[in-house]
Amino acid sequence: MAVPKQRKTKSRRDNRRMHIYLKQPVLGICPKCGKKVRSHTVCWNCGYYKKEEVIDVLKKLTKKDRKQKEKEIAAKSKEEAKDKSLTMEGMSRK
């Protein structure tokens, strides 16, 4: 069996292992709810993928949680409608 003639230093060992580490996943933003989501996957918060509902998220929730989630969704849609309302700045852009 081969035996090394000299011991490798910690510095050499660590330099070799420099690129071996876990990388943070690249996250995008869900266009429907605004939460962070991995690319090319269904959003687990709202159940949408490519602007189409794939999973009915409310189906699995209890009645209390479902009611709270529906309120959040309604508030979010109201907020979006408010942002899209025509203002002088918005009209000048068109």
PDB file of N, CA and C in Angstrom:
ATOM      1  N   MET A   1       0.840  -1.181   0.000  1.00  0.00           N
ATOM      2  CA  MET A   1       0.000   0.000   0.000  1.00  0.00           C
ATOM      3  C   MET A   1       0.882   1.241   0.000  1.00  0.00           C
ATOM      4  N   ALA A   2       0.511   2.227  -0.777  1.00  0.00           N
ATOM      5  CA  ALA A   2       1.299   3.453  -0.888  1.00  0.00           C
ATOM      6  C   ALA A   2       1.141   4.297   0.361  1.00  0.00           C
ATOM      7  N   VAL A   3       2.254   4.834   0.827  1.00  0.00           N
ATOM      8  CA  VAL A   3       2.256   5.688   2.011  1.00  0.00           C
ATOM      9  C   VAL A   3       2.907   7.019   1.626  1.00  0.00           C
ATOM     10  N   PRO A   4       2.262   8.151   1.953  1.00  0.00           N
ATOM     11  CA  PRO A   4       2.860   9.436   1.599  1.00  0.00           C
ATOM     12  C   PRO A   4       4.158   9.670   2.363  1.00  0.00           C
ATOM     13  N   LYS A   5       5.145  10.300   1.682  1.00  0.00           N
ATOM     14  CA  LYS A   5       6.431  10.558   2.325  1.00  0.00           C
ATOM     15  C   LYS A   5       6.326  11.658   3.365  1.00  0.00           C
ATOM     16  N   GLN A   6       5.523  12.681   3.066  1.00  0.00           N
ATOM     17  CA  GLN A   6       5.372  13.771   4.022  1.00  0.00           C
ATOM     18  C   GLN A   6       3.893  14.077   4.231  1.00  0.00           C
ATOM     19  N   ARG A   7       3.612  14.594   5.401  1.00  0.00           N
ATOM     20  CA  ARG A   7       2.243  14.949   5.743  1.00  0.00           C
ATOM     21  C   ARG A   7       1.856  16.246   5.022  1.00  0.00           C
ATOM     22  N   LYS A   8       0.620  16.272   4.468  1.00  0.00           N
ATOM     23  CA  LYS A   8       0.117  17.488   3.832  1.00  0.00           C
ATOM     24  C   LYS A   8      -0.361  18.446   4.910  1.00  0.00           C
ATOM     25  N   THR A   9      -0.052  19.716   4.737  1.00  0.00           N
ATOM     26  CA  THR A   9      -0.430  20.705   5.748  1.00  0.00           C
ATOM     27  C   THR A   9      -1.932  20.998   5.684  1.00  0.00           C
ATOM     28  N   LYS A  10      -2.429  21.611   6.738  1.00  0.00           N
ATOM     29  CA  LYS A  10      -3.844  21.990   6.796  1.00  0.00           C
ATOM     30  C   LYS A  10      -4.165  23.005   5.701  1.00  0.00           C
ATOM     31  N   SER A  11      -3.197  23.837   5.406  1.00  0.00           N
ATOM     32  CA  SER A  11      -3.393  24.857   4.381  1.00  0.00           C
ATOM     33  C   SER A  11      -3.611  24.217   3.015  1.00  0.00           C
ATOM     34  N   ARG A  12      -2.793  23.232   2.666  1.00  0.00           N
ATOM     35  CA  ARG A  12      -2.948  22.554   1.381  1.00  0.00           C
ATOM     36  C   ARG A  12      -4.281  21.807   1.317  1.00  0.00           C
ATOM     37  N   ARG A  13      -4.616  21.151   2.410  1.00  0.00           N
ATOM     38  CA  ARG A  13      -5.881  20.411   2.473  1.00  0.00           C
ATOM     39  C   ARG A  13      -7.068  21.365   2.298  1.00  0.00           C
ATOM     40  N   ASP A  14      -7.042  22.490   3.003  1.00  0.00           N
ATOM     41  CA  ASP A  14      -8.149  23.433   2.942  1.00  0.00           C
ATOM     42  C   ASP A  14      -8.242  24.123   1.585  1.00  0.00           C
ATOM     43  N   ASN A  15      -7.096  24.371   0.957  1.00  0.00           N
ATOM     44  CA  ASN A  15      -7.124  24.960  -0.379  1.00  0.00           C
ATOM     45  C   ASN A  15      -7.749  24.002  -1.382  1.00  0.00           C
ATOM     46  N   ARG A  16      -7.525  22.725  -1.221  1.00  0.00           N
ATOM     47  CA  ARG A  16      -8.114  21.731  -2.103  1.00  0.00           C
ATOM     48  C   ARG A  16      -9.628  21.677  -1.908  1.00  0.00           C
ATOM     49  N   ARG A  17     -10.065  21.820  -0.670  1.00  0.00           N
ATOM     50  CA  ARG A  17     -11.489  21.719  -0.348  1.00  0.00           C
ATOM     51  C   ARG A  17     -12.238  23.046  -0.477  1.00  0.00           C
ATOM     52  N   MET A  18     -11.564  24.065  -0.970  1.00  0.00           N
ATOM     53  CA  MET A  18     -12.131  25.413  -1.000  1.00  0.00           C
ATOM     54  C   MET A  18     -13.465  25.471  -1.755  1.00  0.00           C
ATOM     55  N   HIS A  19     -13.638  24.684  -2.798  1.00  0.00           N
ATOM     56  CA  HIS A  19     -14.834  24.759  -3.617  1.00  0.00           C
ATOM     57  C   HIS A  19     -15.893  23.740  -3.219  1.00  0.00           C
ATOM     58  N   ILE A  20     -15.647  23.004  -2.161  1.00  0.00           N
ATOM     59  CA  ILE A  20     -16.600  21.997  -1.724  1.00  0.00           C
ATOM     60  C   ILE A  20     -17.434  22.582  -0.583  1.00  0.00           C
ATOM     61  N   TYR A  21     -18.587  23.124  -0.921  1.00  0.00           N
ATOM     62  CA  TYR A  21     -19.483  23.670   0.079  1.00  0.00           C
ATOM     63  C   TYR A  21     -20.884  23.731  -0.507  1.00  0.00           C
ATOM     64  N   LEU A  22     -21.866  23.888   0.350  1.00  0.00           N
ATOM     65  CA  LEU A  22     -23.248  23.979  -0.104  1.00  0.00           C
ATOM     66  C   LEU A  22     -23.525  25.388  -0.597  1.00  0.00           C
ATOM     67  N   LYS A  23     -24.122  25.478  -1.764  1.00  0.00           N
ATOM     68  CA  LYS A  23     -24.479  26.782  -2.305  1.00  0.00           C
ATOM     69  C   LYS A  23     -25.923  27.083  -1.950  1.00  0.00           C
ATOM     70  N   GLN A  24     -26.208  28.367  -1.738  1.00  0.00           N
ATOM     71  CA  GLN A  24     -27.561  28.782  -1.431  1.00  0.00           C
ATOM     72  C   GLN A  24     -28.418  28.668  -2.697  1.00  0.00           C
ATOM     73  N   PRO A  25     -29.624  28.140  -2.593  1.00  0.00           N
ATOM     74  CA  PRO A  25     -30.453  27.989  -3.791  1.00  0.00           C
ATOM     75  C   PRO A  25     -30.844  29.347  -4.360  1.00  0.00           C
ATOM     76  N   VAL A  26     -30.986  29.403  -5.679  1.00  0.00           N
ATOM     77  CA  VAL A  26     -31.387  30.630  -6.342  1.00  0.00           C
ATOM     78  C   VAL A  26     -32.903  30.745  -6.232  1.00  0.00           C
ATOM     79  N   LEU A  27     -33.371  31.832  -5.648  1.00  0.00           N
ATOM     80  CA  LEU A  27     -34.792  32.009  -5.425  1.00  0.00           C
ATOM     81  C   LEU A  27     -35.326  33.170  -6.250  1.00  0.00           C
ATOM     82  N   GLY A  28     -36.485  32.965  -6.818  1.00  0.00           N
ATOM     83  CA  GLY A  28     -37.176  34.025  -7.532  1.00  0.00           C
ATOM     84  C   GLY A  28     -38.374  34.455  -6.709  1.00  0.00           C
ATOM     85  N   ILE A  29     -39.183  35.344  -7.264  1.00  0.00           N
ATOM     86  CA  ILE A  29     -40.360  35.833  -6.557  1.00  0.00           C
ATOM     87  C   ILE A  29     -41.599  35.356  -7.297  1.00  0.00           C
ATOM     88  N   CYS A  30     -42.539  34.813  -6.566  1.00  0.00           N
ATOM     89  CA  CYS A  30     -43.798  34.355  -7.145  1.00  0.00           C
ATOM     90  C   CYS A  30     -44.580  35.573  -7.639  1.00  0.00           C
ATOM     91  N   PRO A  31     -45.016  35.575  -8.915  1.00  0.00           N
ATOM     92  CA  PRO A  31     -45.755  36.734  -9.419  1.00  0.00           C
ATOM     93  C   PRO A  31     -47.142  36.884  -8.801  1.00  0.00           C
ATOM     94  N   LYS A  32     -47.686  35.820  -8.263  1.00  0.00           N
ATOM     95  CA  LYS A  32     -49.035  35.867  -7.689  1.00  0.00           C
ATOM     96  C   LYS A  32     -49.033  36.402  -6.257  1.00  0.00           C
ATOM     97  N   CYS A  33     -48.181  35.814  -5.390  1.00  0.00           N
ATOM     98  CA  CYS A  33     -48.223  36.179  -3.972  1.00  0.00           C
ATOM     99  C   CYS A  33     -47.004  36.968  -3.501  1.00  0.00           C
ATOM    100  N   GLY A  34     -45.919  36.939  -4.255  1.00  0.00           N
ATOM    101  CA  GLY A  34     -44.741  37.725  -3.885  1.00  0.00           C
ATOM    102  C   GLY A  34     -43.771  37.018  -2.951  1.00  0.00           C
ATOM    103  N   LYS A  35     -44.013  35.759  -2.638  1.00  0.00           N
ATOM    104  CA  LYS A  35     -43.107  35.008  -1.770  1.00  0.00           C
ATOM    105  C   LYS A  35     -41.924  34.491  -2.575  1.00  0.00           C
ATOM    106  N   LYS A  36     -40.829  34.151  -1.893  1.00  0.00           N
ATOM    107  CA  LYS A  36     -39.662  33.593  -2.567  1.00  0.00           C
ATOM    108  C   LYS A  36     -39.913  32.123  -2.897  1.00  0.00           C
ATOM    109  N   VAL A  37     -39.583  31.759  -4.165  1.00  0.00           N
ATOM    110  CA  VAL A  37     -39.829  30.404  -4.652  1.00  0.00           C
ATOM    111  C   VAL A  37     -38.647  29.976  -5.506  1.00  0.00           C
ATOM    112  N   ARG A  38     -38.286  28.695  -5.445  1.00  0.00           N
ATOM    113  CA  ARG A  38     -37.259  28.177  -6.348  1.00  0.00           C
ATOM    114  C   ARG A  38     -37.794  28.223  -7.768  1.00  0.00           C
ATOM    115  N   SER A  39     -36.904  28.426  -8.720  1.00  0.00           N
ATOM    116  CA  SER A  39     -37.348  28.540 -10.103  1.00  0.00           C
ATOM    117  C   SER A  39     -37.875  27.207 -10.622  1.00  0.00           C
ATOM    118  N   HIS A  40     -38.834  27.283 -11.525  1.00  0.00           N
ATOM    119  CA  HIS A  40     -39.463  26.128 -12.170  1.00  0.00           C
ATOM    120  C   HIS A  40     -40.148  25.196 -11.184  1.00  0.00           C
ATOM    121  N   THR A  41     -40.691  25.737 -10.108  1.00  0.00           N
ATOM    122  CA  THR A  41     -41.443  24.931  -9.148  1.00  0.00           C
ATOM    123  C   THR A  41     -42.742  25.634  -8.787  1.00  0.00           C
ATOM    124  N   VAL A  42     -43.682  24.887  -8.237  1.00  0.00           N
ATOM    125  CA  VAL A  42     -44.963  25.436  -7.808  1.00  0.00           C
ATOM    126  C   VAL A  42     -44.767  26.201  -6.514  1.00  0.00           C
ATOM    127  N   CYS A  43     -45.423  27.332  -6.403  1.00  0.00           N
ATOM    128  CA  CYS A  43     -45.374  28.120  -5.166  1.00  0.00           C
ATOM    129  C   CYS A  43     -46.227  27.419  -4.115  1.00  0.00           C
ATOM    130  N   TRP A  44     -45.645  27.086  -2.979  1.00  0.00           N
ATOM    131  CA  TRP A  44     -46.381  26.369  -1.940  1.00  0.00           C
ATOM    132  C   TRP A  44     -47.265  27.290  -1.133  1.00  0.00           C
ATOM    133  N   ASN A  45     -47.105  28.586  -1.293  1.00  0.00           N
ATOM    134  CA  ASN A  45     -47.941  29.532  -0.565  1.00  0.00           C
ATOM    135  C   ASN A  45     -49.296  29.704  -1.258  1.00  0.00           C
ATOM    136  N   CYS A  46     -49.280  29.862  -2.599  1.00  0.00           N
ATOM    137  CA  CYS A  46     -50.532  30.110  -3.315  1.00  0.00           C
ATOM    138  C   CYS A  46     -50.908  28.981  -4.266  1.00  0.00           C
ATOM    139  N   GLY A  47     -49.990  28.083  -4.608  1.00  0.00           N
ATOM    140  CA  GLY A  47     -50.299  26.940  -5.473  1.00  0.00           C
ATOM    141  C   GLY A  47     -50.255  27.245  -6.950  1.00  0.00           C
ATOM    142  N   TYR A  48     -49.646  28.370  -7.346  1.00  0.00           N
ATOM    143  CA  TYR A  48     -49.600  28.746  -8.758  1.00  0.00           C
ATOM    144  C   TYR A  48     -48.247  28.429  -9.381  1.00  0.00           C
ATOM    145  N   TYR A  49     -48.282  28.109 -10.680  1.00  0.00           N
ATOM    146  CA  TYR A  49     -47.073  27.913 -11.469  1.00  0.00           C
ATOM    147  C   TYR A  49     -47.346  28.475 -12.850  1.00  0.00           C
ATOM    148  N   LYS A  50     -46.523  29.395 -13.283  1.00  0.00           N
ATOM    149  CA  LYS A  50     -46.693  30.069 -14.579  1.00  0.00           C
ATOM    150  C   LYS A  50     -48.088  30.668 -14.724  1.00  0.00           C
ATOM    151  N   LYS A  51     -48.539  31.363 -13.689  1.00  0.00           N
ATOM    152  CA  LYS A  51     -49.824  32.073 -13.655  1.00  0.00           C
ATOM    153  C   LYS A  51     -51.035  31.154 -13.808  1.00  0.00           C
ATOM    154  N   GLU A  52     -50.875  29.879 -13.505  1.00  0.00           N
ATOM    155  CA  GLU A  52     -51.985  28.933 -13.510  1.00  0.00           C
ATOM    156  C   GLU A  52     -52.017  28.207 -12.175  1.00  0.00           C
ATOM    157  N   GLU A  53     -53.225  28.018 -11.641  1.00  0.00           N
ATOM    158  CA  GLU A  53     -53.351  27.321 -10.366  1.00  0.00           C
ATOM    159  C   GLU A  53     -53.158  25.826 -10.585  1.00  0.00           C
ATOM    160  N   VAL A  54     -52.151  25.277  -9.925  1.00  0.00           N
ATOM    161  CA  VAL A  54     -51.832  23.866 -10.070  1.00  0.00           C
ATOM    162  C   VAL A  54     -52.313  23.083  -8.850  1.00  0.00           C
ATOM    163  N   ILE A  55     -52.141  23.670  -7.678  1.00  0.00           N
ATOM    164  CA  ILE A  55     -52.522  23.026  -6.424  1.00  0.00           C
ATOM    165  C   ILE A  55     -53.539  23.907  -5.711  1.00  0.00           C
ATOM    166  N   ASP A  56     -54.625  23.301  -5.229  1.00  0.00           N
ATOM    167  CA  ASP A  56     -55.598  24.045  -4.435  1.00  0.00           C
ATOM    168  C   ASP A  56     -55.105  24.053  -2.993  1.00  0.00           C
ATOM    169  N   VAL A  57     -54.502  25.151  -2.607  1.00  0.00           N
ATOM    170  CA  VAL A  57     -53.882  25.258  -1.289  1.00  0.00           C
ATOM    171  C   VAL A  57     -54.936  25.318  -0.189  1.00  0.00           C
ATOM    172  N   LEU A  58     -56.066  25.936  -0.466  1.00  0.00           N
ATOM    173  CA  LEU A  58     -57.104  26.111   0.554  1.00  0.00           C
ATOM    174  C   LEU A  58     -57.794  24.797   0.909  1.00  0.00           C
ATOM    175  N   LYS A  59     -57.748  23.817   0.022  1.00  0.00           N
ATOM    176  CA  LYS A  59     -58.443  22.551   0.239  1.00  0.00           C
ATOM    177  C   LYS A  59     -57.908  21.799   1.462  1.00  0.00           C
ATOM    178  N   LYS A  60     -56.613  21.883   1.696  1.00  0.00           N
ATOM    179  CA  LYS A  60     -55.993  21.124   2.775  1.00  0.00           C
ATOM    180  C   LYS A  60     -56.082  21.812   4.139  1.00  0.00           C
ATOM    181  N   LEU A  61     -56.446  23.091   4.156  1.00  0.00           N
ATOM    182  CA  LEU A  61     -56.452  23.859   5.402  1.00  0.00           C
ATOM    183  C   LEU A  61     -57.720  23.608   6.214  1.00  0.00           C
ATOM    184  N   THR A  62     -57.611  23.898   7.512  1.00  0.00           N
ATOM    185  CA  THR A  62     -58.791  23.840   8.362  1.00  0.00           C
ATOM    186  C   THR A  62     -59.652  25.064   8.075  1.00  0.00           C
ATOM    187  N   LYS A  63     -60.864  25.055   8.600  1.00  0.00           N
ATOM    188  CA  LYS A  63     -61.806  26.140   8.309  1.00  0.00           C
ATOM    189  C   LYS A  63     -61.257  27.492   8.770  1.00  0.00           C
ATOM    190  N   LYS A  64     -60.672  27.521   9.939  1.00  0.00           N
ATOM    191  CA  LYS A  64     -60.126  28.761  10.502  1.00  0.00           C
ATOM    192  C   LYS A  64     -58.962  29.278   9.653  1.00  0.00           C
ATOM    193  N   ASP A  65     -58.051  28.384   9.294  1.00  0.00           N
ATOM    194  CA  ASP A  65     -56.899  28.771   8.482  1.00  0.00           C
ATOM    195  C   ASP A  65     -57.327  29.203   7.078  1.00  0.00           C
ATOM    196  N   ARG A  66     -58.350  28.512   6.524  1.00  0.00           N
ATOM    197  CA  ARG A  66     -58.843  28.837   5.192  1.00  0.00           C
ATOM    198  C   ARG A  66     -59.413  30.257   5.156  1.00  0.00           C
ATOM    199  N   LYS A  67     -60.162  30.604   6.193  1.00  0.00           N
ATOM    200  CA  LYS A  67     -60.768  31.933   6.268  1.00  0.00           C
ATOM    201  C   LYS A  67     -59.683  33.012   6.334  1.00  0.00           C
ATOM    202  N   GLN A  68     -58.650  32.758   7.127  1.00  0.00           N
ATOM    203  CA  GLN A  68     -57.543  33.710   7.258  1.00  0.00           C
ATOM    204  C   GLN A  68     -56.791  33.854   5.944  1.00  0.00           C
ATOM    205  N   LYS A  69     -56.560  32.745   5.255  1.00  0.00           N
ATOM    206  CA  LYS A  69     -55.854  32.759   3.973  1.00  0.00           C
ATOM    207  C   LYS A  69     -56.659  33.519   2.915  1.00  0.00           C
ATOM    208  N   GLU A  70     -57.993  33.317   2.906  1.00  0.00           N
ATOM    209  CA  GLU A  70     -58.849  34.021   1.962  1.00  0.00           C
ATOM    210  C   GLU A  70     -58.808  35.526   2.200  1.00  0.00           C
ATOM    211  N   LYS A  71     -58.749  35.928   3.464  1.00  0.00           N
ATOM    212  CA  LYS A  71     -58.636  37.355   3.786  1.00  0.00           C
ATOM    213  C   LYS A  71     -57.323  37.928   3.271  1.00  0.00           C
ATOM    214  N   GLU A  72     -56.234  37.179   3.439  1.00  0.00           N
ATOM    215  CA  GLU A  72     -54.930  37.628   2.948  1.00  0.00           C
ATOM    216  C   GLU A  72     -54.941  37.792   1.431  1.00  0.00           C
ATOM    217  N   ILE A  73     -55.547  36.832   0.736  1.00  0.00           N
ATOM    218  CA  ILE A  73     -55.611  36.880  -0.725  1.00  0.00           C
ATOM    219  C   ILE A  73     -56.455  38.069  -1.180  1.00  0.00           C
ATOM    220  N   ALA A  74     -57.578  38.309  -0.489  1.00  0.00           N
ATOM    221  CA  ALA A  74     -58.431  39.437  -0.849  1.00  0.00           C
ATOM    222  C   ALA A  74     -57.717  40.768  -0.620  1.00  0.00           C
ATOM    223  N   ALA A  75     -56.979  40.867   0.482  1.00  0.00           N
ATOM    224  CA  ALA A  75     -56.239  42.096   0.769  1.00  0.00           C
ATOM    225  C   ALA A  75     -55.155  42.328  -0.274  1.00  0.00           C
ATOM    226  N   LYS A  76     -54.507  41.261  -0.692  1.00  0.00           N
ATOM    227  CA  LYS A  76     -53.451  41.352  -1.705  1.00  0.00           C
ATOM    228  C   LYS A  76     -54.028  41.822  -3.045  1.00  0.00           C
ATOM    229  N   SER A  77     -55.194  41.271  -3.421  1.00  0.00           N
ATOM    230  CA  SER A  77     -55.798  41.663  -4.696  1.00  0.00           C
ATOM    231  C   SER A  77     -56.291  43.111  -4.644  1.00  0.00           C
ATOM    232  N   LYS A  78     -56.794  43.543  -3.488  1.00  0.00           N
ATOM    233  CA  LYS A  78     -57.206  44.942  -3.333  1.00  0.00           C
ATOM    234  C   LYS A  78     -56.014  45.874  -3.494  1.00  0.00           C
ATOM    235  N   GLU A  79     -54.904  45.474  -2.899  1.00  0.00           N
ATOM    236  CA  GLU A  79     -53.679  46.267  -2.959  1.00  0.00           C
ATOM    237  C   GLU A  79     -53.187  46.398  -4.410  1.00  0.00           C
ATOM    238  N   GLU A  80     -53.262  45.302  -5.161  1.00  0.00           N
ATOM    239  CA  GLU A  80     -52.843  45.324  -6.563  1.00  0.00           C
ATOM    240  C   GLU A  80     -53.763  46.214  -7.385  1.00  0.00           C
ATOM    241  N   ALA A  81     -55.070  46.145  -7.127  1.00  0.00           N
ATOM    242  CA  ALA A  81     -56.027  46.959  -7.864  1.00  0.00           C
ATOM    243  C   ALA A  81     -55.804  48.440  -7.555  1.00  0.00           C
ATOM    244  N   LYS A  82     -55.451  48.725  -6.324  1.00  0.00           N
ATOM    245  CA  LYS A  82     -55.190  50.109  -5.920  1.00  0.00           C
ATOM    246  C   LYS A  82     -53.957  50.651  -6.643  1.00  0.00           C
ATOM    247  N   ASP A  83     -52.931  49.813  -6.790  1.00  0.00           N
ATOM    248  CA  ASP A  83     -51.709  50.217  -7.469  1.00  0.00           C
ATOM    249  C   ASP A  83     -51.947  50.457  -8.957  1.00  0.00           C
ATOM    250  N   LYS A  84     -52.879  49.697  -9.544  1.00  0.00           N
ATOM    251  CA  LYS A  84     -53.128  49.790 -10.976  1.00  0.00           C
ATOM    252  C   LYS A  84     -54.077  50.929 -11.343  1.00  0.00           C
ATOM    253  N   SER A  85     -54.657  51.591 -10.314  1.00  0.00           N
ATOM    254  CA  SER A  85     -55.598  52.672 -10.613  1.00  0.00           C
ATOM    255  C   SER A  85     -54.888  53.782 -11.387  1.00  0.00           C
ATOM    256  N   LEU A  86     -55.627  54.426 -12.253  1.00  0.00           N
ATOM    257  CA  LEU A  86     -55.040  55.443 -13.117  1.00  0.00           C
ATOM    258  C   LEU A  86     -54.737  56.722 -12.340  1.00  0.00           C
ATOM    259  N   THR A  87     -53.528  57.178 -12.466  1.00  0.00           N
ATOM    260  CA  THR A  87     -53.100  58.453 -11.904  1.00  0.00           C
ATOM    261  C   THR A  87     -52.516  59.270 -13.039  1.00  0.00           C
ATOM    262  N   MET A  88     -52.165  60.496 -12.769  1.00  0.00           N
ATOM    263  CA  MET A  88     -51.584  61.345 -13.802  1.00  0.00           C
ATOM    264  C   MET A  88     -50.271  60.734 -14.317  1.00  0.00           C
ATOM    265  N   GLU A  89     -49.488  60.168 -13.407  1.00  0.00           N
ATOM    266  CA  GLU A  89     -48.230  59.547 -13.823  1.00  0.00           C
ATOM    267  C   GLU A  89     -48.478  58.313 -14.664  1.00  0.00           C
ATOM    268  N   GLY A  90     -49.453  57.516 -14.280  1.00  0.00           N
ATOM    269  CA  GLY A  90     -49.778  56.304 -15.005  1.00  0.00           C
ATOM    270  C   GLY A  90     -50.327  56.605 -16.387  1.00  0.00           C
ATOM    271  N   MET A  91     -51.118  57.652 -16.486  1.00  0.00           N
ATOM    272  CA  MET A  91     -51.710  58.010 -17.773  1.00  0.00           C
ATOM    273  C   MET A  91     -50.647  58.572 -18.725  1.00  0.00           C
ATOM    274  N   SER A  92     -49.669  59.263 -18.165  1.00  0.00           N
ATOM    275  CA  SER A  92     -48.631  59.850 -19.019  1.00  0.00           C
ATOM    276  C   SER A  92     -47.697  58.772 -19.592  1.00  0.00           C
ATOM    277  N   ARG A  93     -47.595  57.666 -18.901  1.00  0.00           N
ATOM    278  CA  ARG A  93     -46.744  56.565 -19.377  1.00  0.00           C
ATOM    279  C   ARG A  93     -47.343  55.878 -20.588  1.00  0.00           C
ATOM    280  N   LYS A  94     -48.666  55.828 -20.659  1.00  0.00           N
ATOM    281  CA  LYS A  94     -49.334  55.116 -21.765  1.00  0.00           C
ATOM    282  C   LYS A  94     -49.246  55.882 -22.998  1.00  0.00           C
TER     283      LYS A  94
END
